[in-house]
Amino acid sequence: EDDVEDIEVLADSKRLRLNCLERQRNKDLRSSFLTLRDHVPELVKNEKAAKILIWNKATDYIHSLQGLIRQRGDSQPLWALPGQKDPVRE
């Protein structure tokens, strides 16, 4: 009988630990999405943007940046993109 109780306590303890880890993972994921949102010009002021919207707009933004890089060719550094600063001169 004591062995059964010990096993139940261990199972409950493991469940609590896993729940805590899952909450932390969700918190970290949410924080990462908010950081991503803050780097997409179209979403900076949209505090209620859904994760899928953040994902889609970030993807669109990356594709537009890739297009700008292709247009400029290899002769200009990446910081020469609109809105970017020269990291050497900062």
PDB file of N, CA and C in Angstrom:
ATOM      1  N   GLU A   1       0.822  -1.198   0.000  1.00  0.00           N
ATOM      2  CA  GLU A   1       0.000   0.000   0.000  1.00  0.00           C
ATOM      3  C   GLU A   1       0.867   1.264   0.000  1.00  0.00           C
ATOM      4  N   ASP A   2       1.918   1.265   0.819  1.00  0.00           N
ATOM      5  CA  ASP A   2       2.831   2.410   0.842  1.00  0.00           C
ATOM      6  C   ASP A   2       3.552   2.569  -0.488  1.00  0.00           C
ATOM      7  N   ASP A   3       3.870   1.433  -1.112  1.00  0.00           N
ATOM      8  CA  ASP A   3       4.547   1.481  -2.413  1.00  0.00           C
ATOM      9  C   ASP A   3       3.667   2.142  -3.467  1.00  0.00           C
ATOM     10  N   VAL A   4       2.379   1.846  -3.441  1.00  0.00           N
ATOM     11  CA  VAL A   4       1.438   2.435  -4.396  1.00  0.00           C
ATOM     12  C   VAL A   4       1.370   3.943  -4.189  1.00  0.00           C
ATOM     13  N   GLU A   5       1.311   4.366  -2.933  1.00  0.00           N
ATOM     14  CA  GLU A   5       1.267   5.805  -2.626  1.00  0.00           C
ATOM     15  C   GLU A   5       2.552   6.491  -3.077  1.00  0.00           C
ATOM     16  N   ASP A   6       3.686   5.832  -2.869  1.00  0.00           N
ATOM     17  CA  ASP A   6       4.967   6.399  -3.304  1.00  0.00           C
ATOM     18  C   ASP A   6       4.999   6.574  -4.819  1.00  0.00           C
ATOM     19  N   ILE A   7       4.484   5.573  -5.529  1.00  0.00           N
ATOM     20  CA  ILE A   7       4.450   5.645  -6.997  1.00  0.00           C
ATOM     21  C   ILE A   7       3.536   6.779  -7.443  1.00  0.00           C
ATOM     22  N   GLU A   8       2.386   6.932  -6.780  1.00  0.00           N
ATOM     23  CA  GLU A   8       1.457   8.012  -7.127  1.00  0.00           C
ATOM     24  C   GLU A   8       2.077   9.382  -6.867  1.00  0.00           C
ATOM     25  N   VAL A   9       2.797   9.515  -5.766  1.00  0.00           N
ATOM     26  CA  VAL A   9       3.465  10.780  -5.446  1.00  0.00           C
ATOM     27  C   VAL A   9       4.519  11.093  -6.499  1.00  0.00           C
ATOM     28  N   LEU A  10       5.285  10.081  -6.902  1.00  0.00           N
ATOM     29  CA  LEU A  10       6.294  10.283  -7.941  1.00  0.00           C
ATOM     30  C   LEU A  10       5.648  10.668  -9.267  1.00  0.00           C
ATOM     31  N   ALA A  11       4.540  10.025  -9.608  1.00  0.00           N
ATOM     32  CA  ALA A  11       3.841  10.341 -10.855  1.00  0.00           C
ATOM     33  C   ALA A  11       3.309  11.767 -10.815  1.00  0.00           C
ATOM     34  N   ASP A  12       2.730  12.161  -9.683  1.00  0.00           N
ATOM     35  CA  ASP A  12       2.233  13.534  -9.540  1.00  0.00           C
ATOM     36  C   ASP A  12       3.373  14.537  -9.634  1.00  0.00           C
ATOM     37  N   SER A  13       4.493  14.209  -9.005  1.00  0.00           N
ATOM     38  CA  SER A  13       5.658  15.091  -9.039  1.00  0.00           C
ATOM     39  C   SER A  13       6.177  15.248 -10.466  1.00  0.00           C
ATOM     40  N   LYS A  14       6.231  14.139 -11.181  1.00  0.00           N
ATOM     41  CA  LYS A  14       6.696  14.183 -12.569  1.00  0.00           C
ATOM     42  C   LYS A  14       5.736  15.007 -13.424  1.00  0.00           C
ATOM     43  N   ARG A  15       4.428  14.823 -13.211  1.00  0.00           N
ATOM     44  CA  ARG A  15       3.428  15.572 -13.969  1.00  0.00           C
ATOM     45  C   ARG A  15       3.563  17.076 -13.692  1.00  0.00           C
ATOM     46  N   LEU A  16       3.748  17.439 -12.432  1.00  0.00           N
ATOM     47  CA  LEU A  16       3.921  18.851 -12.079  1.00  0.00           C
ATOM     48  C   LEU A  16       5.159  19.438 -12.747  1.00  0.00           C
ATOM     49  N   ARG A  17       6.241  18.669 -12.743  1.00  0.00           N
ATOM     50  CA  ARG A  17       7.475  19.133 -13.375  1.00  0.00           C
ATOM     51  C   ARG A  17       7.291  19.302 -14.877  1.00  0.00           C
ATOM     52  N   LEU A  18       6.642  18.342 -15.518  1.00  0.00           N
ATOM     53  CA  LEU A  18       6.400  18.435 -16.958  1.00  0.00           C
ATOM     54  C   LEU A  18       5.464  19.599 -17.290  1.00  0.00           C
ATOM     55  N   ASN A  19       4.452  19.811 -16.459  1.00  0.00           N
ATOM     56  CA  ASN A  19       3.557  20.955 -16.664  1.00  0.00           C
ATOM     57  C   ASN A  19       4.316  22.273 -16.559  1.00  0.00           C
ATOM     58  N   CYS A  20       5.211  22.344 -15.591  1.00  0.00           N
ATOM     59  CA  CYS A  20       6.025  23.547 -15.413  1.00  0.00           C
ATOM     60  C   CYS A  20       6.920  23.773 -16.629  1.00  0.00           C
ATOM     61  N   LEU A  21       7.538  22.720 -17.123  1.00  0.00           N
ATOM     62  CA  LEU A  21       8.390  22.828 -18.309  1.00  0.00           C
ATOM     63  C   LEU A  21       7.584  23.259 -19.535  1.00  0.00           C
ATOM     64  N   GLU A  22       6.378  22.733 -19.673  1.00  0.00           N
ATOM     65  CA  GLU A  22       5.522  23.093 -20.805  1.00  0.00           C
ATOM     66  C   GLU A  22       5.090  24.557 -20.720  1.00  0.00           C
ATOM     67  N   ARG A  23       4.760  25.015 -19.517  1.00  0.00           N
ATOM     68  CA  ARG A  23       4.411  26.437 -19.344  1.00  0.00           C
ATOM     69  C   ARG A  23       5.587  27.333 -19.721  1.00  0.00           C
ATOM     70  N   GLN A  24       6.789  26.944 -19.323  1.00  0.00           N
ATOM     71  CA  GLN A  24       7.976  27.734 -19.652  1.00  0.00           C
ATOM     72  C   GLN A  24       8.230  27.729 -21.153  1.00  0.00           C
ATOM     73  N   ARG A  25       8.035  26.577 -21.789  1.00  0.00           N
ATOM     74  CA  ARG A  25       8.203  26.482 -23.240  1.00  0.00           C
ATOM     75  C   ARG A  25       7.210  27.397 -23.949  1.00  0.00           C
ATOM     76  N   ASN A  26       5.964  27.384 -23.504  1.00  0.00           N
ATOM     77  CA  ASN A  26       4.943  28.262 -24.095  1.00  0.00           C
ATOM     78  C   ASN A  26       5.273  29.735 -23.880  1.00  0.00           C
ATOM     79  N   LYS A  27       5.774  30.054 -22.706  1.00  0.00           N
ATOM     80  CA  LYS A  27       6.167  31.435 -22.403  1.00  0.00           C
ATOM     81  C   LYS A  27       7.312  31.875 -23.321  1.00  0.00           C
ATOM     82  N   ASP A  28       8.301  31.014 -23.499  1.00  0.00           N
ATOM     83  CA  ASP A  28       9.436  31.319 -24.379  1.00  0.00           C
ATOM     84  C   ASP A  28       8.993  31.464 -25.832  1.00  0.00           C
ATOM     85  N   LEU A  29       8.096  30.589 -26.270  1.00  0.00           N
ATOM     86  CA  LEU A  29       7.578  30.654 -27.636  1.00  0.00           C
ATOM     87  C   LEU A  29       6.821  31.957 -27.857  1.00  0.00           C
ATOM     88  N   ARG A  30       5.985  32.334 -26.911  1.00  0.00           N
ATOM     89  CA  ARG A  30       5.228  33.588 -27.006  1.00  0.00           C
ATOM     90  C   ARG A  30       6.185  34.777 -27.065  1.00  0.00           C
ATOM     91  N   SER A  31       7.192  34.766 -26.227  1.00  0.00           N
ATOM     92  CA  SER A  31       8.181  35.842 -26.217  1.00  0.00           C
ATOM     93  C   SER A  31       8.899  35.940 -27.563  1.00  0.00           C
ATOM     94  N   SER A  32       9.218  34.801 -28.142  1.00  0.00           N
ATOM     95  CA  SER A  32       9.889  34.791 -29.446  1.00  0.00           C
ATOM     96  C   SER A  32       8.989  35.360 -30.540  1.00  0.00           C
ATOM     97  N   PHE A  33       7.701  35.029 -30.495  1.00  0.00           N
ATOM     98  CA  PHE A  33       6.774  35.586 -31.476  1.00  0.00           C
ATOM     99  C   PHE A  33       6.643  37.100 -31.312  1.00  0.00           C
ATOM    100  N   LEU A  34       6.627  37.584 -30.068  1.00  0.00           N
ATOM    101  CA  LEU A  34       6.537  39.029 -29.835  1.00  0.00           C
ATOM    102  C   LEU A  34       7.790  39.739 -30.350  1.00  0.00           C
ATOM    103  N   THR A  35       8.940  39.126 -30.152  1.00  0.00           N
ATOM    104  CA  THR A  35      10.184  39.697 -30.673  1.00  0.00           C
ATOM    105  C   THR A  35      10.158  39.731 -32.192  1.00  0.00           C
ATOM    106  N   LEU A  36       9.700  38.654 -32.804  1.00  0.00           N
ATOM    107  CA  LEU A  36       9.582  38.609 -34.260  1.00  0.00           C
ATOM    108  C   LEU A  36       8.616  39.685 -34.742  1.00  0.00           C
ATOM    109  N   ARG A  37       7.474  39.809 -34.086  1.00  0.00           N
ATOM    110  CA  ARG A  37       6.486  40.833 -34.447  1.00  0.00           C
ATOM    111  C   ARG A  37       7.106  42.232 -34.420  1.00  0.00           C
ATOM    112  N   ASP A  38       7.914  42.496 -33.419  1.00  0.00           N
ATOM    113  CA  ASP A  38       8.519  43.820 -33.263  1.00  0.00           C
ATOM    114  C   ASP A  38       9.562  44.134 -34.326  1.00  0.00           C
ATOM    115  N   HIS A  39       9.985  43.121 -35.088  1.00  0.00           N
ATOM    116  CA  HIS A  39      10.965  43.333 -36.158  1.00  0.00           C
ATOM    117  C   HIS A  39      10.342  43.378 -37.547  1.00  0.00           C
ATOM    118  N   VAL A  40       9.029  43.230 -37.603  1.00  0.00           N
ATOM    119  CA  VAL A  40       8.314  43.307 -38.882  1.00  0.00           C
ATOM    120  C   VAL A  40       7.608  44.659 -38.923  1.00  0.00           C
ATOM    121  N   PRO A  41       8.068  45.567 -39.791  1.00  0.00           N
ATOM    122  CA  PRO A  41       7.529  46.931 -39.795  1.00  0.00           C
ATOM    123  C   PRO A  41       6.002  47.003 -39.849  1.00  0.00           C
ATOM    124  N   GLU A  42       5.378  46.137 -40.593  1.00  0.00           N
ATOM    125  CA  GLU A  42       3.924  46.172 -40.740  1.00  0.00           C
ATOM    126  C   GLU A  42       3.179  45.795 -39.448  1.00  0.00           C
ATOM    127  N   LEU A  43       3.873  45.150 -38.509  1.00  0.00           N
ATOM    128  CA  LEU A  43       3.218  44.659 -37.289  1.00  0.00           C
ATOM    129  C   LEU A  43       3.660  45.353 -36.008  1.00  0.00           C
ATOM    130  N   VAL A  44       4.584  46.284 -36.108  1.00  0.00           N
ATOM    131  CA  VAL A  44       5.162  46.888 -34.905  1.00  0.00           C
ATOM    132  C   VAL A  44       4.091  47.412 -33.951  1.00  0.00           C
ATOM    133  N   LYS A  45       3.064  48.050 -34.472  1.00  0.00           N
ATOM    134  CA  LYS A  45       2.039  48.648 -33.609  1.00  0.00           C
ATOM    135  C   LYS A  45       0.832  47.739 -33.398  1.00  0.00           C
ATOM    136  N   ASN A  46       0.881  46.528 -33.911  1.00  0.00           N
ATOM    137  CA  ASN A  46      -0.234  45.593 -33.788  1.00  0.00           C
ATOM    138  C   ASN A  46       0.019  44.655 -32.607  1.00  0.00           C
ATOM    139  N   GLU A  47      -0.368  45.083 -31.411  1.00  0.00           N
ATOM    140  CA  GLU A  47      -0.081  44.307 -30.205  1.00  0.00           C
ATOM    141  C   GLU A  47      -0.923  43.043 -30.081  1.00  0.00           C
ATOM    142  N   LYS A  48      -1.988  42.942 -30.869  1.00  0.00           N
ATOM    143  CA  LYS A  48      -2.865  41.775 -30.759  1.00  0.00           C
ATOM    144  C   LYS A  48      -2.743  40.840 -31.962  1.00  0.00           C
ATOM    145  N   ALA A  49      -1.648  40.933 -32.677  1.00  0.00           N
ATOM    146  CA  ALA A  49      -1.457  40.085 -33.858  1.00  0.00           C
ATOM    147  C   ALA A  49      -1.388  38.612 -33.450  1.00  0.00           C
ATOM    148  N   ALA A  50      -2.116  37.793 -34.176  1.00  0.00           N
ATOM    149  CA  ALA A  50      -2.093  36.347 -33.936  1.00  0.00           C
ATOM    150  C   ALA A  50      -0.763  35.768 -34.423  1.00  0.00           C
ATOM    151  N   LYS A  51      -0.386  34.640 -33.860  1.00  0.00           N
ATOM    152  CA  LYS A  51       0.882  34.001 -34.227  1.00  0.00           C
ATOM    153  C   LYS A  51       0.959  33.720 -35.719  1.00  0.00           C
ATOM    154  N   ILE A  52      -0.142  33.252 -36.307  1.00  0.00           N
ATOM    155  CA  ILE A  52      -0.119  32.928 -37.738  1.00  0.00           C
ATOM    156  C   ILE A  52       0.067  34.195 -38.567  1.00  0.00           C
ATOM    157  N   LEU A  53      -0.514  35.315 -38.123  1.00  0.00           N
ATOM    158  CA  LEU A  53      -0.328  36.582 -38.825  1.00  0.00           C
ATOM    159  C   LEU A  53       1.131  37.027 -38.718  1.00  0.00           C
ATOM    160  N   ILE A  54       1.702  36.908 -37.526  1.00  0.00           N
ATOM    161  CA  ILE A  54       3.113  37.264 -37.327  1.00  0.00           C
ATOM    162  C   ILE A  54       3.980  36.412 -38.246  1.00  0.00           C
ATOM    163  N   TRP A  55       3.715  35.119 -38.272  1.00  0.00           N
ATOM    164  CA  TRP A  55       4.485  34.188 -39.108  1.00  0.00           C
ATOM    165  C   TRP A  55       4.391  34.564 -40.586  1.00  0.00           C
ATOM    166  N   ASN A  56       3.167  34.798 -41.061  1.00  0.00           N
ATOM    167  CA  ASN A  56       2.964  35.111 -42.478  1.00  0.00           C
ATOM    168  C   ASN A  56       3.584  36.451 -42.865  1.00  0.00           C
ATOM    169  N   LYS A  57       3.390  37.479 -42.039  1.00  0.00           N
ATOM    170  CA  LYS A  57       3.944  38.802 -42.346  1.00  0.00           C
ATOM    171  C   LYS A  57       5.472  38.784 -42.264  1.00  0.00           C
ATOM    172  N   ALA A  58       6.027  38.032 -41.317  1.00  0.00           N
ATOM    173  CA  ALA A  58       7.485  37.918 -41.212  1.00  0.00           C
ATOM    174  C   ALA A  58       8.047  37.231 -42.453  1.00  0.00           C
ATOM    175  N   THR A  59       7.365  36.200 -42.909  1.00  0.00           N
ATOM    176  CA  THR A  59       7.783  35.503 -44.127  1.00  0.00           C
ATOM    177  C   THR A  59       7.739  36.443 -45.326  1.00  0.00           C
ATOM    178  N   ASP A  60       6.652  37.207 -45.447  1.00  0.00           N
ATOM    179  CA  ASP A  60       6.538  38.185 -46.537  1.00  0.00           C
ATOM    180  C   ASP A  60       7.665  39.212 -46.469  1.00  0.00           C
ATOM    181  N   TYR A  61       7.954  39.686 -45.257  1.00  0.00           N
ATOM    182  CA  TYR A  61       8.997  40.697 -45.067  1.00  0.00           C
ATOM    183  C   TYR A  61      10.370  40.141 -45.452  1.00  0.00           C
ATOM    184  N   ILE A  62      10.650  38.920 -45.058  1.00  0.00           N
ATOM    185  CA  ILE A  62      11.925  38.279 -45.416  1.00  0.00           C
ATOM    186  C   ILE A  62      12.044  38.155 -46.928  1.00  0.00           C
ATOM    187  N   HIS A  63      10.966  37.761 -47.576  1.00  0.00           N
ATOM    188  CA  HIS A  63      10.987  37.632 -49.045  1.00  0.00           C
ATOM    189  C   HIS A  63      11.229  38.992 -49.698  1.00  0.00           C
ATOM    190  N   SER A  64      10.623  40.050 -49.147  1.00  0.00           N
ATOM    191  CA  SER A  64      10.846  41.379 -49.730  1.00  0.00           C
ATOM    192  C   SER A  64      12.296  41.828 -49.526  1.00  0.00           C
ATOM    193  N   LEU A  65      12.876  41.511 -48.381  1.00  0.00           N
ATOM    194  CA  LEU A  65      14.286  41.847 -48.142  1.00  0.00           C
ATOM    195  C   LEU A  65      15.197  41.059 -49.082  1.00  0.00           C
ATOM    196  N   GLN A  66      14.866  39.803 -49.306  1.00  0.00           N
ATOM    197  CA  GLN A  66      15.653  38.998 -50.245  1.00  0.00           C
ATOM    198  C   GLN A  66      15.580  39.597 -51.648  1.00  0.00           C
ATOM    199  N   GLY A  67      14.407  40.085 -52.028  1.00  0.00           N
ATOM    200  CA  GLY A  67      14.257  40.734 -53.333  1.00  0.00           C
ATOM    201  C   GLY A  67      15.111  41.980 -53.436  1.00  0.00           C
ATOM    202  N   LEU A  68      15.153  42.783 -52.364  1.00  0.00           N
ATOM    203  CA  LEU A  68      15.997  43.983 -52.366  1.00  0.00           C
ATOM    204  C   LEU A  68      17.472  43.619 -52.501  1.00  0.00           C
ATOM    205  N   ILE A  69      17.871  42.580 -51.819  1.00  0.00           N
ATOM    206  CA  ILE A  69      19.272  42.147 -51.897  1.00  0.00           C
ATOM    207  C   ILE A  69      19.606  41.705 -53.317  1.00  0.00           C
ATOM    208  N   ARG A  70      18.707  40.957 -53.941  1.00  0.00           N
ATOM    209  CA  ARG A  70      18.937  40.520 -55.323  1.00  0.00           C
ATOM    210  C   ARG A  70      19.012  41.717 -56.274  1.00  0.00           C
ATOM    211  N   GLN A  71      18.161  42.710 -56.074  1.00  0.00           N
ATOM    212  CA  GLN A  71      18.167  43.901 -56.930  1.00  0.00           C
ATOM    213  C   GLN A  71      19.482  44.661 -56.813  1.00  0.00           C
ATOM    214  N   ARG A  72      20.002  44.755 -55.623  1.00  0.00           N
ATOM    215  CA  ARG A  72      21.231  45.519 -55.389  1.00  0.00           C
ATOM    216  C   ARG A  72      22.470  44.760 -55.825  1.00  0.00           C
ATOM    217  N   GLY A  73      22.367  43.472 -55.927  1.00  0.00           N
ATOM    218  CA  GLY A  73      23.523  42.665 -56.304  1.00  0.00           C
ATOM    219  C   GLY A  73      24.496  42.551 -55.144  1.00  0.00           C
ATOM    220  N   ASP A  74      25.644  42.000 -55.416  1.00  0.00           N
ATOM    221  CA  ASP A  74      26.647  41.771 -54.375  1.00  0.00           C
ATOM    222  C   ASP A  74      27.521  42.986 -54.121  1.00  0.00           C
ATOM    223  N   SER A  75      27.352  44.051 -54.890  1.00  0.00           N
ATOM    224  CA  SER A  75      28.267  45.186 -54.778  1.00  0.00           C
ATOM    225  C   SER A  75      27.991  46.065 -53.566  1.00  0.00           C
ATOM    226  N   GLN A  76      26.799  45.999 -52.997  1.00  0.00           N
ATOM    227  CA  GLN A  76      26.491  46.835 -51.844  1.00  0.00           C
ATOM    228  C   GLN A  76      26.293  45.967 -50.606  1.00  0.00           C
ATOM    229  N   PRO A  77      26.769  46.443 -49.465  1.00  0.00           N
ATOM    230  CA  PRO A  77      26.621  45.663 -48.231  1.00  0.00           C
ATOM    231  C   PRO A  77      25.164  45.616 -47.780  1.00  0.00           C
ATOM    232  N   LEU A  78      24.843  44.637 -46.940  1.00  0.00           N
ATOM    233  CA  LEU A  78      23.472  44.479 -46.461  1.00  0.00           C
ATOM    234  C   LEU A  78      22.981  45.696 -45.694  1.00  0.00           C
ATOM    235  N   TRP A  79      23.874  46.394 -44.982  1.00  0.00           N
ATOM    236  CA  TRP A  79      23.414  47.550 -44.212  1.00  0.00           C
ATOM    237  C   TRP A  79      22.986  48.697 -45.111  1.00  0.00           C
ATOM    238  N   ALA A  80      23.210  48.576 -46.407  1.00  0.00           N
ATOM    239  CA  ALA A  80      22.798  49.621 -47.339  1.00  0.00           C
ATOM    240  C   ALA A  80      21.312  49.519 -47.687  1.00  0.00           C
ATOM    241  N   LEU A  81      20.616  48.521 -47.127  1.00  0.00           N
ATOM    242  CA  LEU A  81      19.183  48.403 -47.359  1.00  0.00           C
ATOM    243  C   LEU A  81      18.457  49.565 -46.682  1.00  0.00           C
ATOM    244  N   PRO A  82      17.299  49.948 -47.182  1.00  0.00           N
ATOM    245  CA  PRO A  82      16.547  51.052 -46.578  1.00  0.00           C
ATOM    246  C   PRO A  82      16.309  50.813 -45.091  1.00  0.00           C
ATOM    247  N   GLY A  83      16.581  51.826 -44.298  1.00  0.00           N
ATOM    248  CA  GLY A  83      16.348  51.740 -42.866  1.00  0.00           C
ATOM    249  C   GLY A  83      17.462  51.092 -42.073  1.00  0.00           C
ATOM    250  N   GLN A  84      18.478  50.587 -42.723  1.00  0.00           N
ATOM    251  CA  GLN A  84      19.583  49.935 -42.029  1.00  0.00           C
ATOM    252  C   GLN A  84      20.728  50.921 -41.836  1.00  0.00           C
ATOM    253  N   LYS A  85      21.432  50.773 -40.721  1.00  0.00           N
ATOM    254  CA  LYS A  85      22.560  51.652 -40.422  1.00  0.00           C
ATOM    255  C   LYS A  85      23.871  50.902 -40.611  1.00  0.00           C
ATOM    256  N   ASP A  86      24.897  51.658 -40.917  1.00  0.00           N
ATOM    257  CA  ASP A  86      26.234  51.088 -41.067  1.00  0.00           C
ATOM    258  C   ASP A  86      26.721  50.678 -39.680  1.00  0.00           C
ATOM    259  N   PRO A  87      26.914  49.378 -39.410  1.00  0.00           N
ATOM    260  CA  PRO A  87      27.331  48.942 -38.079  1.00  0.00           C
ATOM    261  C   PRO A  87      28.726  49.429 -37.702  1.00  0.00           C
ATOM    262  N   VAL A  88      29.558  49.731 -38.668  1.00  0.00           N
ATOM    263  CA  VAL A  88      30.915  50.203 -38.390  1.00  0.00           C
ATOM    264  C   VAL A  88      30.884  51.640 -37.884  1.00  0.00           C
ATOM    265  N   ARG A  89      29.948  52.421 -38.364  1.00  0.00           N
ATOM    266  CA  ARG A  89      29.883  53.839 -38.002  1.00  0.00           C
ATOM    267  C   ARG A  89      29.046  54.115 -36.769  1.00  0.00           C
ATOM    268  N   GLU A  90      28.434  53.119 -36.203  1.00  0.00           N
ATOM    269  CA  GLU A  90      27.603  53.334 -35.003  1.00  0.00           C
ATOM    270  C   GLU A  90      28.442  53.442 -33.761  1.00  0.00           C
TER     271      GLU A  90
END
